[in-house]
PDB file of all heavy atoms in Angstrom:
ATOM      1  N   GLY A   1      97.199  75.566  88.992  1.00  0.00           N
ATOM      2  CA  GLY A   1      97.394  75.356  90.316  1.00  0.00           C
ATOM      3  C   GLY A   1      96.961  76.467  91.202  1.00  0.00           C
ATOM      4  O   GLY A   1      95.803  76.977  91.160  1.00  0.00           O
ATOM      5  N   GLU A   2      97.845  76.917  92.084  1.00  0.00           N
ATOM      6  CA  GLU A   2      97.513  77.975  93.069  1.00  0.00           C
ATOM      7  C   GLU A   2      98.022  79.390  92.672  1.00  0.00           C
ATOM      8  O   GLU A   2      97.748  80.299  93.430  1.00  0.00           O
ATOM      9  CB  GLU A   2      98.002  77.615  94.496  1.00  0.00           C
ATOM     10  CG  GLU A   2      97.427  76.292  94.919  1.00  0.00           C
ATOM     11  CD  GLU A   2      97.885  75.803  96.287  1.00  0.00           C
ATOM     12  OE1 GLU A   2      98.902  76.483  96.722  1.00  0.00           O
ATOM     13  OE2 GLU A   2      97.368  74.918  96.855  1.00  0.00           O
ATOM     14  N   LEU A   3      98.742  79.575  91.658  1.00  0.00           N
ATOM     15  CA  LEU A   3      99.338  80.825  91.250  1.00  0.00           C
ATOM     16  C   LEU A   3      99.633  80.953  89.760  1.00  0.00           C
ATOM     17  O   LEU A   3      99.932  80.016  89.164  1.00  0.00           O
ATOM     18  CB  LEU A   3     100.828  80.885  91.977  1.00  0.00           C
ATOM     19  CG  LEU A   3     101.799  81.920  91.485  1.00  0.00           C
ATOM     20  CD1 LEU A   3     101.282  83.336  91.874  1.00  0.00           C
ATOM     21  CD2 LEU A   3     103.175  81.695  92.144  1.00  0.00           C
ATOM     22  N   GLY A   4      99.347  82.173  89.283  1.00  0.00           N
ATOM     23  CA  GLY A   4      99.601  82.359  87.795  1.00  0.00           C
ATOM     24  C   GLY A   4      99.788  83.837  87.569  1.00  0.00           C
ATOM     25  O   GLY A   4      99.556  84.709  88.477  1.00  0.00           O
ATOM     26  N   GLU A   5     100.142  84.121  86.364  1.00  0.00           N
ATOM     27  CA  GLU A   5     100.413  85.523  86.016  1.00  0.00           C
ATOM     28  C   GLU A   5      99.161  86.168  85.409  1.00  0.00           C
ATOM     29  O   GLU A   5      98.285  85.505  84.835  1.00  0.00           O
ATOM     30  CB  GLU A   5     101.599  85.598  84.948  1.00  0.00           C
ATOM     31  CG  GLU A   5     102.904  85.084  85.515  1.00  0.00           C
ATOM     32  CD  GLU A   5     103.944  85.010  84.359  1.00  0.00           C
ATOM     33  OE1 GLU A   5     103.535  85.097  83.107  1.00  0.00           O
ATOM     34  OE2 GLU A   5     105.185  84.932  84.676  1.00  0.00           O
ATOM     35  N   VAL A   6      99.056  87.540  85.562  1.00  0.00           N
ATOM     36  CA  VAL A   6      98.043  88.324  84.814  1.00  0.00           C
ATOM     37  C   VAL A   6      98.841  89.256  83.878  1.00  0.00           C
ATOM     38  O   VAL A   6      99.609  90.107  84.473  1.00  0.00           O
ATOM     39  CB  VAL A   6      97.118  89.043  85.729  1.00  0.00           C
ATOM     40  CG1 VAL A   6      96.089  89.747  84.956  1.00  0.00           C
ATOM     41  CG2 VAL A   6      96.488  88.132  86.741  1.00  0.00           C
ATOM     42  N   ARG A   7      98.571  89.188  82.621  1.00  0.00           N
ATOM     43  CA  ARG A   7      99.337  90.083  81.639  1.00  0.00           C
ATOM     44  C   ARG A   7      98.325  91.070  80.989  1.00  0.00           C
ATOM     45  O   ARG A   7      97.200  90.778  80.729  1.00  0.00           O
ATOM     46  CB  ARG A   7      99.966  89.167  80.504  1.00  0.00           C
ATOM     47  CG  ARG A   7     101.089  88.280  81.018  1.00  0.00           C
ATOM     48  CD  ARG A   7     101.577  87.388  79.846  1.00  0.00           C
ATOM     49  NE  ARG A   7     102.731  86.539  80.311  1.00  0.00           N
ATOM     50  CZ  ARG A   7     103.972  86.921  80.293  1.00  0.00           C
ATOM     51  NH1 ARG A   7     104.403  88.098  79.722  1.00  0.00           N
ATOM     52  NH2 ARG A   7     104.908  86.114  80.728  1.00  0.00           N
ATOM     53  N   VAL A   8      98.865  92.248  80.751  1.00  0.00           N
ATOM     54  CA  VAL A   8      98.107  93.272  80.104  1.00  0.00           C
ATOM     55  C   VAL A   8      99.032  93.680  78.905  1.00  0.00           C
ATOM     56  O   VAL A   8     100.205  94.147  79.201  1.00  0.00           O
ATOM     57  CB  VAL A   8      97.803  94.410  80.964  1.00  0.00           C
ATOM     58  CG1 VAL A   8      97.134  95.537  80.170  1.00  0.00           C
ATOM     59  CG2 VAL A   8      96.993  93.972  82.189  1.00  0.00           C
ATOM     60  N   SER A   9      98.547  93.561  77.680  1.00  0.00           N
ATOM     61  CA  SER A   9      99.321  93.873  76.526  1.00  0.00           C
ATOM     62  C   SER A   9     100.641  93.119  76.519  1.00  0.00           C
ATOM     63  O   SER A   9     101.717  93.706  76.173  1.00  0.00           O
ATOM     64  CB  SER A   9      99.557  95.358  76.389  1.00  0.00           C
ATOM     65  OG  SER A   9      98.336  96.049  76.354  1.00  0.00           O
ATOM     66  N   GLY A  10     100.685  91.834  76.985  1.00  0.00           N
ATOM     67  CA  GLY A  10     101.766  91.021  76.955  1.00  0.00           C
ATOM     68  C   GLY A  10     102.769  91.177  78.179  1.00  0.00           C
ATOM     69  O   GLY A  10     103.723  90.531  78.305  1.00  0.00           O
ATOM     70  N   LYS A  11     102.471  92.178  79.040  1.00  0.00           N
ATOM     71  CA  LYS A  11     103.319  92.446  80.154  1.00  0.00           C
ATOM     72  C   LYS A  11     102.690  91.927  81.411  1.00  0.00           C
ATOM     73  O   LYS A  11     101.593  92.223  81.695  1.00  0.00           O
ATOM     74  CB  LYS A  11     103.614  93.982  80.203  1.00  0.00           C
ATOM     75  CG  LYS A  11     104.597  94.358  81.285  1.00  0.00           C
ATOM     76  CD  LYS A  11     104.885  95.832  81.176  1.00  0.00           C
ATOM     77  CE  LYS A  11     105.956  96.345  82.267  1.00  0.00           C
ATOM     78  NZ  LYS A  11     106.141  97.742  82.139  1.00  0.00           N
ATOM     79  N   VAL A  12     103.498  91.293  82.290  1.00  0.00           N
ATOM     80  CA  VAL A  12     103.052  90.819  83.566  1.00  0.00           C
ATOM     81  C   VAL A  12     102.909  92.060  84.489  1.00  0.00           C
ATOM     82  O   VAL A  12     103.867  92.679  84.798  1.00  0.00           O
ATOM     83  CB  VAL A  12     103.922  89.810  84.243  1.00  0.00           C
ATOM     84  CG1 VAL A  12     103.441  89.391  85.604  1.00  0.00           C
ATOM     85  CG2 VAL A  12     104.158  88.569  83.333  1.00  0.00           C
ATOM     86  N   LEU A  13     101.597  92.286  85.001  1.00  0.00           N
ATOM     87  CA  LEU A  13     101.358  93.397  85.877  1.00  0.00           C
ATOM     88  C   LEU A  13     100.896  92.966  87.273  1.00  0.00           C
ATOM     89  O   LEU A  13     100.743  93.753  88.229  1.00  0.00           O
ATOM     90  CB  LEU A  13     100.278  94.362  85.354  1.00  0.00           C
ATOM     91  CG  LEU A  13     100.770  95.077  84.041  1.00  0.00           C
ATOM     92  CD1 LEU A  13      99.569  96.087  83.647  1.00  0.00           C
ATOM     93  CD2 LEU A  13     102.058  95.784  84.221  1.00  0.00           C
ATOM     94  N   GLY A  14     100.550  91.641  87.431  1.00  0.00           N
ATOM     95  CA  GLY A  14     100.142  91.149  88.608  1.00  0.00           C
ATOM     96  C   GLY A  14     100.037  89.556  88.523  1.00  0.00           C
ATOM     97  O   GLY A  14     100.393  88.943  87.635  1.00  0.00           O
ATOM     98  N   TYR A  15      99.478  89.026  89.700  1.00  0.00           N
ATOM     99  CA  TYR A  15      99.371  87.653  89.769  1.00  0.00           C
ATOM    100  C   TYR A  15      97.986  87.196  90.316  1.00  0.00           C
ATOM    101  O   TYR A  15      97.429  88.010  91.119  1.00  0.00           O
ATOM    102  CB  TYR A  15     100.490  87.015  90.731  1.00  0.00           C
ATOM    103  CG  TYR A  15     101.890  87.208  90.171  1.00  0.00           C
ATOM    104  CD1 TYR A  15     102.496  88.381  90.317  1.00  0.00           C
ATOM    105  CD2 TYR A  15     102.451  86.132  89.483  1.00  0.00           C
ATOM    106  CE1 TYR A  15     103.809  88.514  89.866  1.00  0.00           C
ATOM    107  CE2 TYR A  15     103.701  86.223  88.997  1.00  0.00           C
ATOM    108  CZ  TYR A  15     104.385  87.479  89.183  1.00  0.00           C
ATOM    109  OH  TYR A  15     105.686  87.622  88.693  1.00  0.00           O
ATOM    110  N   TRP A  16      97.485  86.051  89.943  1.00  0.00           N
ATOM    111  CA  TRP A  16      96.341  85.513  90.595  1.00  0.00           C
ATOM    112  C   TRP A  16      96.711  84.446  91.548  1.00  0.00           C
ATOM    113  O   TRP A  16      97.792  83.833  91.320  1.00  0.00           O
ATOM    114  CB  TRP A  16      95.297  84.959  89.589  1.00  0.00           C
ATOM    115  CG  TRP A  16      95.757  83.850  88.674  1.00  0.00           C
ATOM    116  CD1 TRP A  16      96.270  83.934  87.469  1.00  0.00           C
ATOM    117  CD2 TRP A  16      95.810  82.426  89.014  1.00  0.00           C
ATOM    118  NE1 TRP A  16      96.619  82.734  86.913  1.00  0.00           N
ATOM    119  CE2 TRP A  16      96.383  81.733  87.932  1.00  0.00           C
ATOM    120  CE3 TRP A  16      95.408  81.721  90.154  1.00  0.00           C
ATOM    121  CZ2 TRP A  16      96.480  80.368  87.905  1.00  0.00           C
ATOM    122  CZ3 TRP A  16      95.602  80.345  90.166  1.00  0.00           C
ATOM    123  CH2 TRP A  16      96.123  79.655  89.041  1.00  0.00           C
ATOM    124  N   PHE A  17      95.912  84.365  92.603  1.00  0.00           N
ATOM    125  CA  PHE A  17      96.207  83.217  93.622  1.00  0.00           C
ATOM    126  C   PHE A  17      94.902  82.569  93.912  1.00  0.00           C
ATOM    127  O   PHE A  17      93.856  83.133  93.888  1.00  0.00           O
ATOM    128  CB  PHE A  17      96.757  83.849  94.867  1.00  0.00           C
ATOM    129  CG  PHE A  17      98.063  84.593  94.744  1.00  0.00           C
ATOM    130  CD1 PHE A  17      98.042  85.893  94.296  1.00  0.00           C
ATOM    131  CD2 PHE A  17      99.292  83.990  94.986  1.00  0.00           C
ATOM    132  CE1 PHE A  17      99.239  86.657  94.113  1.00  0.00           C
ATOM    133  CE2 PHE A  17     100.450  84.676  94.833  1.00  0.00           C
ATOM    134  CZ  PHE A  17     100.445  86.018  94.453  1.00  0.00           C
ATOM    135  N   LYS A  18      95.013  81.288  94.201  1.00  0.00           N
ATOM    136  CA  LYS A  18      93.761  80.477  94.483  1.00  0.00           C
ATOM    137  C   LYS A  18      93.800  80.018  95.943  1.00  0.00           C
ATOM    138  O   LYS A  18      94.753  79.466  96.437  1.00  0.00           O
ATOM    139  CB  LYS A  18      93.608  79.290  93.589  1.00  0.00           C
ATOM    140  CG  LYS A  18      92.349  78.447  93.769  1.00  0.00           C
ATOM    141  CD  LYS A  18      92.248  77.279  92.816  1.00  0.00           C
ATOM    142  CE  LYS A  18      91.985  77.704  91.333  1.00  0.00           C
ATOM    143  NZ  LYS A  18      91.692  76.606  90.518  1.00  0.00           N
ATOM    144  N   LEU A  19      92.653  80.259  96.610  1.00  0.00           N
ATOM    145  CA  LEU A  19      92.547  79.788  98.014  1.00  0.00           C
ATOM    146  C   LEU A  19      91.043  79.257  98.206  1.00  0.00           C
ATOM    147  O   LEU A  19      90.181  79.957  98.004  1.00  0.00           O
ATOM    148  CB  LEU A  19      92.760  81.019  98.886  1.00  0.00           C
ATOM    149  CG  LEU A  19      92.642  80.741 100.444  1.00  0.00           C
ATOM    150  CD1 LEU A  19      93.757  79.773 100.889  1.00  0.00           C
ATOM    151  CD2 LEU A  19      92.589  82.081 101.190  1.00  0.00           C
ATOM    152  N   ASN A  20      91.067  78.103  98.673  1.00  0.00           N
ATOM    153  CA  ASN A  20      89.769  77.404  98.837  1.00  0.00           C
ATOM    154  C   ASN A  20      88.854  77.467  97.568  1.00  0.00           C
ATOM    155  O   ASN A  20      87.666  77.728  97.661  1.00  0.00           O
ATOM    156  CB  ASN A  20      88.990  78.047 100.072  1.00  0.00           C
ATOM    157  CG  ASN A  20      89.806  77.812 101.416  1.00  0.00           C
ATOM    158  OD1 ASN A  20      90.490  76.767 101.527  1.00  0.00           O
ATOM    159  ND2 ASN A  20      89.732  78.768 102.182  1.00  0.00           N
ATOM    160  N   GLY A  21      89.454  77.306  96.403  1.00  0.00           N
ATOM    161  CA  GLY A  21      88.667  77.312  95.230  1.00  0.00           C
ATOM    162  C   GLY A  21      88.416  78.690  94.570  1.00  0.00           C
ATOM    163  O   GLY A  21      87.903  78.787  93.492  1.00  0.00           O
ATOM    164  N   ARG A  22      88.669  79.724  95.376  1.00  0.00           N
ATOM    165  CA  ARG A  22      88.398  81.091  94.858  1.00  0.00           C
ATOM    166  C   ARG A  22      89.686  81.813  94.557  1.00  0.00           C
ATOM    167  O   ARG A  22      90.775  81.708  95.225  1.00  0.00           O
ATOM    168  CB  ARG A  22      87.615  81.808  95.914  1.00  0.00           C
ATOM    169  CG  ARG A  22      86.257  81.255  96.246  1.00  0.00           C
ATOM    170  CD  ARG A  22      85.482  82.127  96.999  1.00  0.00           C
ATOM    171  NE  ARG A  22      85.213  83.406  96.336  1.00  0.00           N
ATOM    172  CZ  ARG A  22      84.444  84.432  96.961  1.00  0.00           C
ATOM    173  NH1 ARG A  22      83.992  84.360  98.208  1.00  0.00           N
ATOM    174  NH2 ARG A  22      84.270  85.548  96.260  1.00  0.00           N
ATOM    175  N   ARG A  23      89.666  82.685  93.463  1.00  0.00           N
ATOM    176  CA  ARG A  23      90.863  83.389  93.125  1.00  0.00           C
ATOM    177  C   ARG A  23      90.781  84.866  93.643  1.00  0.00           C
ATOM    178  O   ARG A  23      89.750  85.455  93.897  1.00  0.00           O
ATOM    179  CB  ARG A  23      90.933  83.418  91.654  1.00  0.00           C
ATOM    180  CG  ARG A  23      91.268  82.188  90.956  1.00  0.00           C
ATOM    181  CD  ARG A  23      91.722  82.349  89.443  1.00  0.00           C
ATOM    182  NE  ARG A  23      92.043  81.075  88.890  1.00  0.00           N
ATOM    183  CZ  ARG A  23      92.612  80.897  87.715  1.00  0.00           C
ATOM    184  NH1 ARG A  23      93.008  81.960  87.015  1.00  0.00           N
ATOM    185  NH2 ARG A  23      92.920  79.693  87.242  1.00  0.00           N
ATOM    186  N   PHE A  24      91.967  85.397  93.949  1.00  0.00           N
ATOM    187  CA  PHE A  24      92.135  86.779  94.287  1.00  0.00           C
ATOM    188  C   PHE A  24      93.334  87.269  93.416  1.00  0.00           C
ATOM    189  O   PHE A  24      94.119  86.479  93.034  1.00  0.00           O
ATOM    190  CB  PHE A  24      92.245  87.147  95.759  1.00  0.00           C
ATOM    191  CG  PHE A  24      93.361  86.532  96.391  1.00  0.00           C
ATOM    192  CD1 PHE A  24      94.632  87.299  96.602  1.00  0.00           C
ATOM    193  CD2 PHE A  24      93.448  85.302  96.902  1.00  0.00           C
ATOM    194  CE1 PHE A  24      95.699  86.771  97.238  1.00  0.00           C
ATOM    195  CE2 PHE A  24      94.450  84.724  97.620  1.00  0.00           C
ATOM    196  CZ  PHE A  24      95.650  85.509  97.725  1.00  0.00           C
ATOM    197  N   TYR A  25      93.378  88.617  93.226  1.00  0.00           N
ATOM    198  CA  TYR A  25      94.364  89.190  92.244  1.00  0.00           C
ATOM    199  C   TYR A  25      95.123  90.281  93.028  1.00  0.00           C
ATOM    200  O   TYR A  25      94.628  91.122  93.684  1.00  0.00           O
ATOM    201  CB  TYR A  25      93.732  89.843  91.086  1.00  0.00           C
ATOM    202  CG  TYR A  25      92.836  88.744  90.428  1.00  0.00           C
ATOM    203  CD1 TYR A  25      91.454  88.499  90.826  1.00  0.00           C
ATOM    204  CD2 TYR A  25      93.365  88.088  89.271  1.00  0.00           C
ATOM    205  CE1 TYR A  25      90.701  87.632  90.118  1.00  0.00           C
ATOM    206  CE2 TYR A  25      92.552  87.128  88.718  1.00  0.00           C
ATOM    207  CZ  TYR A  25      91.251  86.918  89.135  1.00  0.00           C
ATOM    208  OH  TYR A  25      90.522  85.937  88.424  1.00  0.00           O
ATOM    209  N   ALA A  26      96.523  90.099  93.015  1.00  0.00           N
ATOM    210  CA  ALA A  26      97.353  91.112  93.649  1.00  0.00           C
ATOM    211  C   ALA A  26      98.334  91.695  92.635  1.00  0.00           C
ATOM    212  O   ALA A  26      98.873  91.101  91.716  1.00  0.00           O
ATOM    213  CB  ALA A  26      98.222  90.234  94.685  1.00  0.00           C
ATOM    214  N   SER A  27      98.527  93.064  92.886  1.00  0.00           N
ATOM    215  CA  SER A  27      99.377  93.792  92.041  1.00  0.00           C
ATOM    216  C   SER A  27      99.951  94.952  92.774  1.00  0.00           C
ATOM    217  O   SER A  27      99.410  95.422  93.786  1.00  0.00           O
ATOM    218  CB  SER A  27      98.647  94.306  90.736  1.00  0.00           C
ATOM    219  OG  SER A  27      97.618  95.118  91.194  1.00  0.00           O
ATOM    220  N   PRO A  28     101.151  95.370  92.334  1.00  0.00           N
ATOM    221  CA  PRO A  28     101.829  96.497  93.020  1.00  0.00           C
ATOM    222  C   PRO A  28     101.013  97.770  93.067  1.00  0.00           C
ATOM    223  O   PRO A  28     100.316  98.078  92.085  1.00  0.00           O
ATOM    224  CB  PRO A  28     103.076  96.729  92.156  1.00  0.00           C
ATOM    225  CG  PRO A  28     103.332  95.493  91.455  1.00  0.00           C
ATOM    226  CD  PRO A  28     101.917  94.961  91.206  1.00  0.00           C
ATOM    227  N   GLY A  29     101.029  98.446  94.162  1.00  0.00           N
ATOM    228  CA  GLY A  29     100.454  99.769  94.232  1.00  0.00           C
ATOM    229  C   GLY A  29     101.491 100.865  94.097  1.00  0.00           C
ATOM    230  O   GLY A  29     101.507 101.628  93.255  1.00  0.00           O
TER     231      GLY A  29
END
């Protein structure tokens, strides 16, 4: 869909989002 998790070594560190068919990735700074 429009939102999903991104995991590194099994741990959620950020999320992907889809807008107009393209994804972007957001994570805490």
